[in-house]
Amino acid sequence: MEIVVEAVYEKGILKPLKKLDLKEGEKVRIKIERDLDKILEEYCGIIESKITLKDIEKLRGEVREWRKF
């Protein structure tokens, strides 16, 4: 069964934003997908800043690396 749910990472704990129908102690597999706007903000500082083609190519490579996990 696959469930997609947004979560927030706080103080070392990943917290789902909605109630999950899971048994206590049940093991699950988690796939992390970061919000692209947040990635751009971190990468460029301010999303409204000028982004060059070189910056975009570097970012694409980083996103490919993140997706391997």
N, C-alpha and C. Protein backbone atom coordinates (compact mmCIF):
# COMPACT_ATOMS: atom_id res chain seq x y z
N MET A 1 0.84 -1.18 0.00
CA MET A 1 0.00 0.00 0.00
C MET A 1 0.89 1.25 0.00
N GLU A 2 0.55 2.22 -0.81
CA GLU A 2 1.31 3.46 -0.88
C GLU A 2 0.47 4.62 -0.41
N ILE A 3 1.03 5.43 0.48
CA ILE A 3 0.36 6.63 1.00
C ILE A 3 1.33 7.79 0.79
N VAL A 4 0.82 8.90 0.29
CA VAL A 4 1.63 10.10 0.15
C VAL A 4 1.14 11.09 1.19
N VAL A 5 2.04 11.56 2.02
CA VAL A 5 1.67 12.51 3.07
C VAL A 5 2.81 13.51 3.26
N GLU A 6 2.45 14.76 3.45
CA GLU A 6 3.48 15.77 3.72
C GLU A 6 3.88 15.66 5.19
N ALA A 7 5.14 16.00 5.46
CA ALA A 7 5.64 15.94 6.82
C ALA A 7 6.61 17.09 7.05
N VAL A 8 6.85 17.37 8.32
CA VAL A 8 7.79 18.42 8.72
C VAL A 8 8.88 17.75 9.56
N TYR A 9 10.12 18.12 9.32
CA TYR A 9 11.24 17.61 10.08
C TYR A 9 11.59 18.62 11.16
N GLU A 10 11.42 18.24 12.42
CA GLU A 10 11.68 19.14 13.55
C GLU A 10 12.48 18.42 14.61
N LYS A 11 13.58 19.00 15.02
CA LYS A 11 14.40 18.48 16.12
C LYS A 11 14.71 17.00 15.96
N GLY A 12 15.04 16.59 14.73
CA GLY A 12 15.43 15.22 14.48
C GLY A 12 14.30 14.24 14.30
N ILE A 13 13.06 14.73 14.26
CA ILE A 13 11.90 13.85 14.13
C ILE A 13 11.07 14.27 12.92
N LEU A 14 10.71 13.30 12.09
CA LEU A 14 9.86 13.54 10.92
C LEU A 14 8.41 13.41 11.37
N LYS A 15 7.63 14.50 11.27
CA LYS A 15 6.26 14.53 11.76
C LYS A 15 5.27 14.66 10.61
N PRO A 16 4.44 13.62 10.36
CA PRO A 16 3.42 13.70 9.31
C PRO A 16 2.41 14.79 9.63
N LEU A 17 1.89 15.43 8.60
CA LEU A 17 0.91 16.50 8.80
C LEU A 17 -0.53 16.00 8.85
N LYS A 18 -0.72 14.69 8.72
CA LYS A 18 -2.05 14.12 8.92
C LYS A 18 -1.91 12.78 9.62
N LYS A 19 -2.99 12.33 10.23
CA LYS A 19 -2.98 11.07 10.96
C LYS A 19 -2.77 9.91 9.98
N LEU A 20 -1.92 8.97 10.39
CA LEU A 20 -1.65 7.80 9.57
C LEU A 20 -2.32 6.57 10.16
N ASP A 21 -2.88 5.73 9.31
CA ASP A 21 -3.53 4.50 9.76
C ASP A 21 -2.48 3.39 9.85
N LEU A 22 -1.65 3.47 10.89
CA LEU A 22 -0.58 2.50 11.10
C LEU A 22 -0.68 1.93 12.51
N LYS A 23 -0.19 0.70 12.66
CA LYS A 23 -0.15 0.08 13.98
C LYS A 23 1.09 0.58 14.71
N GLU A 24 1.01 0.68 16.03
CA GLU A 24 2.14 1.07 16.85
C GLU A 24 3.32 0.12 16.59
N GLY A 25 4.49 0.67 16.29
CA GLY A 25 5.67 -0.13 16.05
C GLY A 25 5.80 -0.67 14.63
N GLU A 26 4.82 -0.39 13.78
CA GLU A 26 4.86 -0.88 12.40
C GLU A 26 5.99 -0.21 11.64
N LYS A 27 6.76 -0.99 10.89
CA LYS A 27 7.84 -0.45 10.08
C LYS A 27 7.31 -0.06 8.71
N VAL A 28 7.80 1.08 8.22
CA VAL A 28 7.42 1.58 6.90
C VAL A 28 8.67 2.01 6.16
N ARG A 29 8.55 2.19 4.87
CA ARG A 29 9.63 2.71 4.05
C ARG A 29 9.26 4.14 3.67
N ILE A 30 10.20 5.06 3.79
CA ILE A 30 9.94 6.48 3.53
C ILE A 30 10.80 6.96 2.37
N LYS A 31 10.17 7.68 1.44
CA LYS A 31 10.88 8.32 0.34
C LYS A 31 10.78 9.83 0.56
N ILE A 32 11.91 10.49 0.64
CA ILE A 32 11.93 11.93 0.91
C ILE A 32 12.00 12.69 -0.42
N GLU A 33 11.07 13.62 -0.62
CA GLU A 33 11.08 14.53 -1.76
C GLU A 33 11.01 15.94 -1.23
N ARG A 34 12.05 16.71 -1.47
CA ARG A 34 12.06 18.08 -0.97
C ARG A 34 11.29 18.99 -1.91
N ASP A 35 10.71 20.03 -1.36
CA ASP A 35 9.97 21.04 -2.11
C ASP A 35 10.95 21.82 -2.98
N LEU A 36 10.75 21.86 -4.30
CA LEU A 36 11.68 22.50 -5.23
C LEU A 36 11.90 23.97 -4.90
N ASP A 37 10.85 24.69 -4.47
CA ASP A 37 11.03 26.10 -4.11
C ASP A 37 12.01 26.24 -2.94
N LYS A 38 11.90 25.33 -1.96
CA LYS A 38 12.81 25.37 -0.82
C LYS A 38 14.24 25.08 -1.26
N ILE A 39 14.40 24.12 -2.18
CA ILE A 39 15.73 23.80 -2.69
C ILE A 39 16.32 25.03 -3.38
N LEU A 40 15.51 25.70 -4.20
CA LEU A 40 15.99 26.90 -4.90
C LEU A 40 16.35 28.01 -3.92
N GLU A 41 15.53 28.18 -2.87
CA GLU A 41 15.83 29.21 -1.87
C GLU A 41 17.16 28.92 -1.20
N GLU A 42 17.38 27.66 -0.82
CA GLU A 42 18.64 27.30 -0.18
C GLU A 42 19.81 27.47 -1.14
N TYR A 43 19.60 27.09 -2.37
CA TYR A 43 20.68 27.13 -3.37
C TYR A 43 21.02 28.56 -3.77
N CYS A 44 20.03 29.37 -3.98
CA CYS A 44 20.26 30.71 -4.52
C CYS A 44 20.19 31.80 -3.46
N GLY A 45 19.79 31.46 -2.26
CA GLY A 45 19.65 32.47 -1.21
C GLY A 45 18.26 33.07 -1.24
N ILE A 46 17.95 33.78 -2.26
CA ILE A 46 16.64 34.39 -2.43
C ILE A 46 16.11 33.97 -3.79
N ILE A 47 14.90 33.45 -3.83
CA ILE A 47 14.36 32.88 -5.07
C ILE A 47 14.25 33.92 -6.19
N GLU A 48 14.16 35.21 -5.84
CA GLU A 48 14.03 36.24 -6.86
C GLU A 48 15.38 36.64 -7.46
N SER A 49 16.47 36.08 -6.93
CA SER A 49 17.79 36.44 -7.45
C SER A 49 17.96 35.91 -8.88
N LYS A 50 18.90 36.46 -9.60
CA LYS A 50 19.15 36.03 -10.97
C LYS A 50 19.83 34.66 -10.94
N ILE A 51 19.30 33.72 -11.69
CA ILE A 51 19.85 32.38 -11.76
C ILE A 51 20.42 32.17 -13.16
N THR A 52 21.66 31.75 -13.23
CA THR A 52 22.30 31.53 -14.53
C THR A 52 22.07 30.09 -14.98
N LEU A 53 22.35 29.83 -16.26
CA LEU A 53 22.23 28.49 -16.80
C LEU A 53 23.18 27.54 -16.05
N LYS A 54 24.35 28.02 -15.71
CA LYS A 54 25.31 27.20 -14.96
C LYS A 54 24.72 26.81 -13.59
N ASP A 55 24.03 27.76 -12.93
CA ASP A 55 23.38 27.47 -11.65
C ASP A 55 22.32 26.39 -11.80
N ILE A 56 21.53 26.48 -12.87
CA ILE A 56 20.46 25.51 -13.11
C ILE A 56 21.03 24.12 -13.35
N GLU A 57 22.09 24.04 -14.15
CA GLU A 57 22.72 22.74 -14.41
C GLU A 57 23.25 22.12 -13.12
N LYS A 58 23.87 22.93 -12.27
CA LYS A 58 24.38 22.43 -10.99
C LYS A 58 23.22 21.94 -10.12
N LEU A 59 22.14 22.70 -10.08
CA LEU A 59 20.97 22.32 -9.30
C LEU A 59 20.36 21.02 -9.80
N ARG A 60 20.27 20.86 -11.12
CA ARG A 60 19.74 19.62 -11.70
C ARG A 60 20.56 18.42 -11.23
N GLY A 61 21.88 18.56 -11.22
CA GLY A 61 22.75 17.49 -10.75
C GLY A 61 22.49 17.16 -9.30
N GLU A 62 22.30 18.19 -8.47
CA GLU A 62 22.02 17.97 -7.05
C GLU A 62 20.69 17.27 -6.85
N VAL A 63 19.68 17.67 -7.62
CA VAL A 63 18.35 17.04 -7.51
C VAL A 63 18.44 15.57 -7.91
N ARG A 64 19.20 15.26 -8.97
CA ARG A 64 19.39 13.86 -9.37
C ARG A 64 20.02 13.06 -8.24
N GLU A 65 20.97 13.64 -7.54
CA GLU A 65 21.62 12.96 -6.43
C GLU A 65 20.64 12.71 -5.29
N TRP A 66 19.79 13.70 -4.97
CA TRP A 66 18.81 13.56 -3.89
C TRP A 66 17.82 12.46 -4.22
N ARG A 67 17.45 12.34 -5.49
CA ARG A 67 16.45 11.34 -5.89
C ARG A 67 16.97 9.92 -5.80
N LYS A 68 18.27 9.73 -5.69
CA LYS A 68 18.84 8.39 -5.57
C LYS A 68 18.51 7.75 -4.22
N PHE A 69 18.20 8.58 -3.23
CA PHE A 69 17.94 8.06 -1.88
C PHE A 69 16.59 7.50 -1.74
